[in-house]
Amino acid sequence: MGILKLNIPTVLTLSRIILIPVFVIVAYQHPFWGAAVFGIAALTDFLDGYLARRSGQITKFGIILDPLADKFLVISALVVLVDMARLSAWMAIVIIVREFLVTGLRVVALSKDIIIPAEMGGKLKTTAQITAILCLILVGSIFDNLPIDLYDIGTTFVWAALVLSVVSGVQYTISFWKKVR
């Protein structure tokens, strides 16, 4: 496992970081395009991990950068949604604190050559977050004429993400302490 190697998974991770300011700028004026940029960035999260595992191109740099890119993307979107008054600040804060806690634990574990893999709770949390963010960004867009209420759907997924954030954060912390002892 190399430390710094520019490969396709790493390029995808870096592209996710590059797309963050584009998303933030576009989301306010053009929610549809903001959601599209966010969706593409979120898709790179799936692709980079899949390609890294499949091609055996897992690097320490990627192990550190990938979750950071994920956190930067989600935190940026949560801040945008709070600013747009589509998400309560306290909900965003709870999710953001969990993200920092887990990322900090990952960095400490990695410094001890311990890799704690993502668990199902974290993957479900990410799926709920992405769904919530996409729905809430699209409120007030071309989809307003649909017979479904994107705000209500987004809010439901935010609550699911909030619960999963807390539960998976506790699970991750327990797993961390068991492995570093």
C-alpha atoms as a PDB file:
ATOM      1  CA  MET A   1       0.000   0.000   0.000  1.00  0.00           C
ATOM      2  CA  GLY A   2       1.750   3.161  -1.224  1.00  0.00           C
ATOM      3  CA  ILE A   3       1.569   6.547   0.437  1.00  0.00           C
ATOM      4  CA  LEU A   4       1.149   8.952  -2.503  1.00  0.00           C
ATOM      5  CA  LYS A   5       0.127   7.607  -5.847  1.00  0.00           C
ATOM      6  CA  LEU A   6      -1.975   9.436  -8.400  1.00  0.00           C
ATOM      7  CA  ASN A   7      -4.314   6.851  -9.848  1.00  0.00           C
ATOM      8  CA  ILE A   8      -7.892   6.925 -11.160  1.00  0.00           C
ATOM      9  CA  PRO A   9      -9.495   6.473  -7.710  1.00  0.00           C
ATOM     10  CA  THR A  10      -7.368   9.318  -6.302  1.00  0.00           C
ATOM     11  CA  VAL A  11      -8.194  11.567  -9.265  1.00  0.00           C
ATOM     12  CA  LEU A  12     -11.914  10.871  -8.674  1.00  0.00           C
ATOM     13  CA  THR A  13     -11.518  11.782  -5.006  1.00  0.00           C
ATOM     14  CA  LEU A  14      -9.703  15.001  -5.912  1.00  0.00           C
ATOM     15  CA  SER A  15     -12.425  15.825  -8.457  1.00  0.00           C
ATOM     16  CA  ARG A  16     -15.001  15.581  -5.658  1.00  0.00           C
ATOM     17  CA  ILE A  17     -13.098  18.254  -3.740  1.00  0.00           C
ATOM     18  CA  ILE A  18     -12.835  20.439  -6.850  1.00  0.00           C
ATOM     19  CA  LEU A  19     -16.606  20.144  -7.431  1.00  0.00           C
ATOM     20  CA  ILE A  20     -17.450  21.504  -3.963  1.00  0.00           C
ATOM     21  CA  PRO A  21     -17.039  25.228  -4.769  1.00  0.00           C
ATOM     22  CA  VAL A  22     -18.859  24.685  -8.072  1.00  0.00           C
ATOM     23  CA  PHE A  23     -21.762  23.112  -6.165  1.00  0.00           C
ATOM     24  CA  VAL A  24     -21.853  25.907  -3.572  1.00  0.00           C
ATOM     25  CA  ILE A  25     -21.858  28.647  -6.214  1.00  0.00           C
ATOM     26  CA  VAL A  26     -24.429  27.003  -8.497  1.00  0.00           C
ATOM     27  CA  ALA A  27     -26.871  25.638  -5.882  1.00  0.00           C
ATOM     28  CA  TYR A  28     -28.232  29.036  -4.858  1.00  0.00           C
ATOM     29  CA  GLN A  29     -29.192  30.340  -8.292  1.00  0.00           C
ATOM     30  CA  HIS A  30     -29.783  27.073 -10.143  1.00  0.00           C
ATOM     31  CA  PRO A  31     -30.909  24.350  -7.721  1.00  0.00           C
ATOM     32  CA  PHE A  32     -31.283  21.751 -10.476  1.00  0.00           C
ATOM     33  CA  TRP A  33     -27.687  22.234 -11.623  1.00  0.00           C
ATOM     34  CA  GLY A  34     -26.487  22.430  -8.032  1.00  0.00           C
ATOM     35  CA  ALA A  35     -28.147  19.073  -7.364  1.00  0.00           C
ATOM     36  CA  ALA A  36     -26.604  17.687 -10.558  1.00  0.00           C
ATOM     37  CA  VAL A  37     -23.111  18.784  -9.498  1.00  0.00           C
ATOM     38  CA  PHE A  38     -23.675  17.382  -5.994  1.00  0.00           C
ATOM     39  CA  GLY A  39     -24.977  14.116  -7.481  1.00  0.00           C
ATOM     40  CA  ILE A  40     -21.929  13.760  -9.724  1.00  0.00           C
ATOM     41  CA  ALA A  41     -19.628  14.492  -6.786  1.00  0.00           C
ATOM     42  CA  ALA A  42     -21.483  11.924  -4.651  1.00  0.00           C
ATOM     43  CA  LEU A  43     -21.193   9.376  -7.453  1.00  0.00           C
ATOM     44  CA  THR A  44     -17.403   9.774  -7.441  1.00  0.00           C
ATOM     45  CA  ASP A  45     -17.510   8.631  -3.800  1.00  0.00           C
ATOM     46  CA  PHE A  46     -18.912   5.272  -4.873  1.00  0.00           C
ATOM     47  CA  LEU A  47     -16.692   4.983  -7.939  1.00  0.00           C
ATOM     48  CA  ASP A  48     -13.360   5.804  -6.308  1.00  0.00           C
ATOM     49  CA  GLY A  49     -13.764   3.184  -3.591  1.00  0.00           C
ATOM     50  CA  TYR A  50     -15.069   0.566  -6.001  1.00  0.00           C
ATOM     51  CA  LEU A  51     -12.245   1.130  -8.472  1.00  0.00           C
ATOM     52  CA  ALA A  52      -9.577   1.237  -5.748  1.00  0.00           C
ATOM     53  CA  ARG A  53     -10.701  -2.094  -4.311  1.00  0.00           C
ATOM     54  CA  ARG A  54     -11.247  -3.762  -7.678  1.00  0.00           C
ATOM     55  CA  SER A  55      -7.900  -2.693  -9.139  1.00  0.00           C
ATOM     56  CA  GLY A  56      -5.888  -3.079  -5.931  1.00  0.00           C
ATOM     57  CA  GLN A  57      -5.017   0.642  -5.959  1.00  0.00           C
ATOM     58  CA  ILE A  58      -5.747   1.322  -2.299  1.00  0.00           C
ATOM     59  CA  THR A  59      -3.229   3.826  -0.921  1.00  0.00           C
ATOM     60  CA  LYS A  60      -2.769   5.431   2.498  1.00  0.00           C
ATOM     61  CA  PHE A  61      -3.250   8.791   0.798  1.00  0.00           C
ATOM     62  CA  GLY A  62      -6.588   7.599  -0.616  1.00  0.00           C
ATOM     63  CA  ILE A  63      -7.633   6.127   2.717  1.00  0.00           C
ATOM     64  CA  ILE A  64      -7.133   9.557   4.304  1.00  0.00           C
ATOM     65  CA  LEU A  65      -8.317  11.756   1.431  1.00  0.00           C
ATOM     66  CA  ASP A  66     -11.501   9.854   0.497  1.00  0.00           C
ATOM     67  CA  PRO A  67     -13.351  10.308   3.799  1.00  0.00           C
ATOM     68  CA  LEU A  68     -12.137  13.922   4.016  1.00  0.00           C
ATOM     69  CA  ALA A  69     -13.523  14.633   0.547  1.00  0.00           C
ATOM     70  CA  ASP A  70     -16.815  13.021   1.589  1.00  0.00           C
ATOM     71  CA  LYS A  71     -16.981  15.124   4.734  1.00  0.00           C
ATOM     72  CA  PHE A  72     -16.116  18.354   2.902  1.00  0.00           C
ATOM     73  CA  LEU A  73     -18.861  17.666   0.345  1.00  0.00           C
ATOM     74  CA  VAL A  74     -21.550  16.825   2.904  1.00  0.00           C
ATOM     75  CA  ILE A  75     -20.596  19.640   5.285  1.00  0.00           C
ATOM     76  CA  SER A  76     -20.637  22.160   2.414  1.00  0.00           C
ATOM     77  CA  ALA A  77     -24.093  20.989   1.402  1.00  0.00           C
ATOM     78  CA  LEU A  78     -25.392  21.137   4.978  1.00  0.00           C
ATOM     79  CA  VAL A  79     -24.104  24.699   5.376  1.00  0.00           C
ATOM     80  CA  VAL A  80     -25.757  25.693   2.087  1.00  0.00           C
ATOM     81  CA  LEU A  81     -29.054  24.123   3.218  1.00  0.00           C
ATOM     82  CA  VAL A  82     -28.924  25.931   6.571  1.00  0.00           C
ATOM     83  CA  ASP A  83     -28.207  29.189   4.743  1.00  0.00           C
ATOM     84  CA  MET A  84     -31.150  28.524   2.404  1.00  0.00           C
ATOM     85  CA  ALA A  85     -33.362  27.907   5.503  1.00  0.00           C
ATOM     86  CA  ARG A  86     -34.113  24.338   4.383  1.00  0.00           C
ATOM     87  CA  LEU A  87     -32.352  22.662   7.301  1.00  0.00           C
ATOM     88  CA  SER A  88     -32.207  23.430  11.013  1.00  0.00           C
ATOM     89  CA  ALA A  89     -28.769  24.501  12.161  1.00  0.00           C
ATOM     90  CA  TRP A  90     -28.822  22.130  15.149  1.00  0.00           C
ATOM     91  CA  MET A  91     -29.358  19.134  12.860  1.00  0.00           C
ATOM     92  CA  ALA A  92     -26.459  20.182  10.671  1.00  0.00           C
ATOM     93  CA  ILE A  93     -24.269  20.689  13.746  1.00  0.00           C
ATOM     94  CA  VAL A  94     -24.993  17.190  15.115  1.00  0.00           C
ATOM     95  CA  ILE A  95     -24.168  15.603  11.752  1.00  0.00           C
ATOM     96  CA  ILE A  96     -21.038  17.739  11.296  1.00  0.00           C
ATOM     97  CA  VAL A  97     -19.754  16.960  14.820  1.00  0.00           C
ATOM     98  CA  ARG A  98     -20.192  13.245  14.121  1.00  0.00           C
ATOM     99  CA  GLU A  99     -18.275  13.603  10.850  1.00  0.00           C
ATOM    100  CA  PHE A 100     -15.359  15.325  12.607  1.00  0.00           C
ATOM    101  CA  LEU A 101     -15.360  12.748  15.418  1.00  0.00           C
ATOM    102  CA  VAL A 102     -15.252   9.764  13.059  1.00  0.00           C
ATOM    103  CA  THR A 103     -12.676  11.395  10.766  1.00  0.00           C
ATOM    104  CA  GLY A 104     -10.475  12.188  13.775  1.00  0.00           C
ATOM    105  CA  LEU A 105     -10.719   8.610  14.999  1.00  0.00           C
ATOM    106  CA  ARG A 106      -9.869   7.342  11.514  1.00  0.00           C
ATOM    107  CA  VAL A 107      -6.749   9.491  11.351  1.00  0.00           C
ATOM    108  CA  VAL A 108      -5.614   8.331  14.810  1.00  0.00           C
ATOM    109  CA  ALA A 109      -6.287   4.680  13.898  1.00  0.00           C
ATOM    110  CA  LEU A 110      -4.443   5.048  10.610  1.00  0.00           C
ATOM    111  CA  SER A 111      -1.459   6.582  12.417  1.00  0.00           C
ATOM    112  CA  LYS A 112      -1.294   3.284  14.315  1.00  0.00           C
ATOM    113  CA  ASP A 113      -1.649   1.309  11.034  1.00  0.00           C
ATOM    114  CA  ILE A 114      -5.184   0.305  11.997  1.00  0.00           C
ATOM    115  CA  ILE A 115      -7.854   0.507   9.345  1.00  0.00           C
ATOM    116  CA  ILE A 116     -11.411   0.506  10.606  1.00  0.00           C
ATOM    117  CA  PRO A 117     -13.649  -0.233   7.633  1.00  0.00           C
ATOM    118  CA  ALA A 118     -16.932   1.524   7.052  1.00  0.00           C
ATOM    119  CA  GLU A 119     -19.850  -0.342   8.559  1.00  0.00           C
ATOM    120  CA  MET A 120     -23.353  -0.727   7.181  1.00  0.00           C
ATOM    121  CA  GLY A 121     -24.683   2.012   9.498  1.00  0.00           C
ATOM    122  CA  GLY A 122     -22.245   4.519   8.025  1.00  0.00           C
ATOM    123  CA  LYS A 123     -23.143   3.500   4.484  1.00  0.00           C
ATOM    124  CA  LEU A 124     -26.864   3.858   5.218  1.00  0.00           C
ATOM    125  CA  LYS A 125     -26.169   7.238   6.820  1.00  0.00           C
ATOM    126  CA  THR A 126     -24.348   8.400   3.710  1.00  0.00           C
ATOM    127  CA  THR A 127     -27.195   7.233   1.476  1.00  0.00           C
ATOM    128  CA  ALA A 128     -29.754   9.033   3.654  1.00  0.00           C
ATOM    129  CA  GLN A 129     -27.613  12.201   3.666  1.00  0.00           C
ATOM    130  CA  ILE A 130     -27.201  12.231  -0.101  1.00  0.00           C
ATOM    131  CA  THR A 131     -30.919  11.628  -0.662  1.00  0.00           C
ATOM    132  CA  ALA A 132     -31.868  14.349   1.840  1.00  0.00           C
ATOM    133  CA  ILE A 133     -29.440  16.860   0.362  1.00  0.00           C
ATOM    134  CA  LEU A 134     -30.594  16.223  -3.198  1.00  0.00           C
ATOM    135  CA  CYS A 135     -34.273  16.562  -2.247  1.00  0.00           C
ATOM    136  CA  LEU A 136     -33.732  19.719  -0.193  1.00  0.00           C
ATOM    137  CA  ILE A 137     -31.559  21.376  -2.848  1.00  0.00           C
ATOM    138  CA  LEU A 138     -34.235  20.656  -5.463  1.00  0.00           C
ATOM    139  CA  VAL A 139     -36.969  22.416  -3.455  1.00  0.00           C
ATOM    140  CA  GLY A 140     -37.968  25.431  -5.536  1.00  0.00           C
ATOM    141  CA  SER A 141     -36.611  23.970  -8.771  1.00  0.00           C
ATOM    142  CA  ILE A 142     -38.229  22.587 -11.880  1.00  0.00           C
ATOM    143  CA  PHE A 143     -39.546  19.668  -9.823  1.00  0.00           C
ATOM    144  CA  ASP A 144     -41.956  21.843  -7.836  1.00  0.00           C
ATOM    145  CA  ASN A 145     -44.787  20.817 -10.161  1.00  0.00           C
ATOM    146  CA  LEU A 146     -44.477  17.158  -9.222  1.00  0.00           C
ATOM    147  CA  PRO A 147     -47.208  15.647  -7.029  1.00  0.00           C
ATOM    148  CA  ILE A 148     -44.599  14.868  -4.348  1.00  0.00           C
ATOM    149  CA  ASP A 149     -43.216  17.243  -1.764  1.00  0.00           C
ATOM    150  CA  LEU A 150     -39.426  17.192  -1.989  1.00  0.00           C
ATOM    151  CA  TYR A 151     -39.130  19.192   1.228  1.00  0.00           C
ATOM    152  CA  ASP A 152     -41.034  16.573   3.236  1.00  0.00           C
ATOM    153  CA  ILE A 153     -39.086  13.727   1.650  1.00  0.00           C
ATOM    154  CA  GLY A 154     -35.797  15.545   2.257  1.00  0.00           C
ATOM    155  CA  THR A 155     -36.727  16.273   5.873  1.00  0.00           C
ATOM    156  CA  THR A 156     -37.622  12.617   6.458  1.00  0.00           C
ATOM    157  CA  PHE A 157     -34.236  11.548   5.086  1.00  0.00           C
ATOM    158  CA  VAL A 158     -32.460  14.193   7.197  1.00  0.00           C
ATOM    159  CA  TRP A 159     -34.039  12.700  10.311  1.00  0.00           C
ATOM    160  CA  ALA A 160     -32.978   9.227   9.186  1.00  0.00           C
ATOM    161  CA  ALA A 161     -29.452  10.532   8.505  1.00  0.00           C
ATOM    162  CA  LEU A 162     -29.383  12.210  11.923  1.00  0.00           C
ATOM    163  CA  VAL A 163     -30.338   9.009  13.761  1.00  0.00           C
ATOM    164  CA  LEU A 164     -27.952   6.924  11.647  1.00  0.00           C
ATOM    165  CA  SER A 165     -25.190   9.504  12.244  1.00  0.00           C
ATOM    166  CA  VAL A 166     -25.477   9.163  15.994  1.00  0.00           C
ATOM    167  CA  VAL A 167     -25.836   5.365  15.975  1.00  0.00           C
ATOM    168  CA  SER A 168     -23.018   4.757  13.486  1.00  0.00           C
ATOM    169  CA  GLY A 169     -20.824   7.310  15.268  1.00  0.00           C
ATOM    170  CA  VAL A 170     -21.240   5.392  18.530  1.00  0.00           C
ATOM    171  CA  GLN A 171     -20.553   2.089  16.717  1.00  0.00           C
ATOM    172  CA  TYR A 172     -17.444   3.532  15.084  1.00  0.00           C
ATOM    173  CA  THR A 173     -16.163   4.872  18.413  1.00  0.00           C
ATOM    174  CA  ILE A 174     -16.658   1.483  20.093  1.00  0.00           C
ATOM    175  CA  SER A 175     -14.920  -0.277  17.188  1.00  0.00           C
ATOM    176  CA  PHE A 176     -12.055   2.234  17.390  1.00  0.00           C
ATOM    177  CA  TRP A 177     -11.486   1.671  21.125  1.00  0.00           C
ATOM    178  CA  LYS A 178     -11.582  -2.113  20.729  1.00  0.00           C
ATOM    179  CA  LYS A 179      -8.957  -2.030  17.989  1.00  0.00           C
ATOM    180  CA  VAL A 180      -6.533   0.491  19.521  1.00  0.00           C
ATOM    181  CA  ARG A 181      -6.304  -1.236  22.921  1.00  0.00           C
END
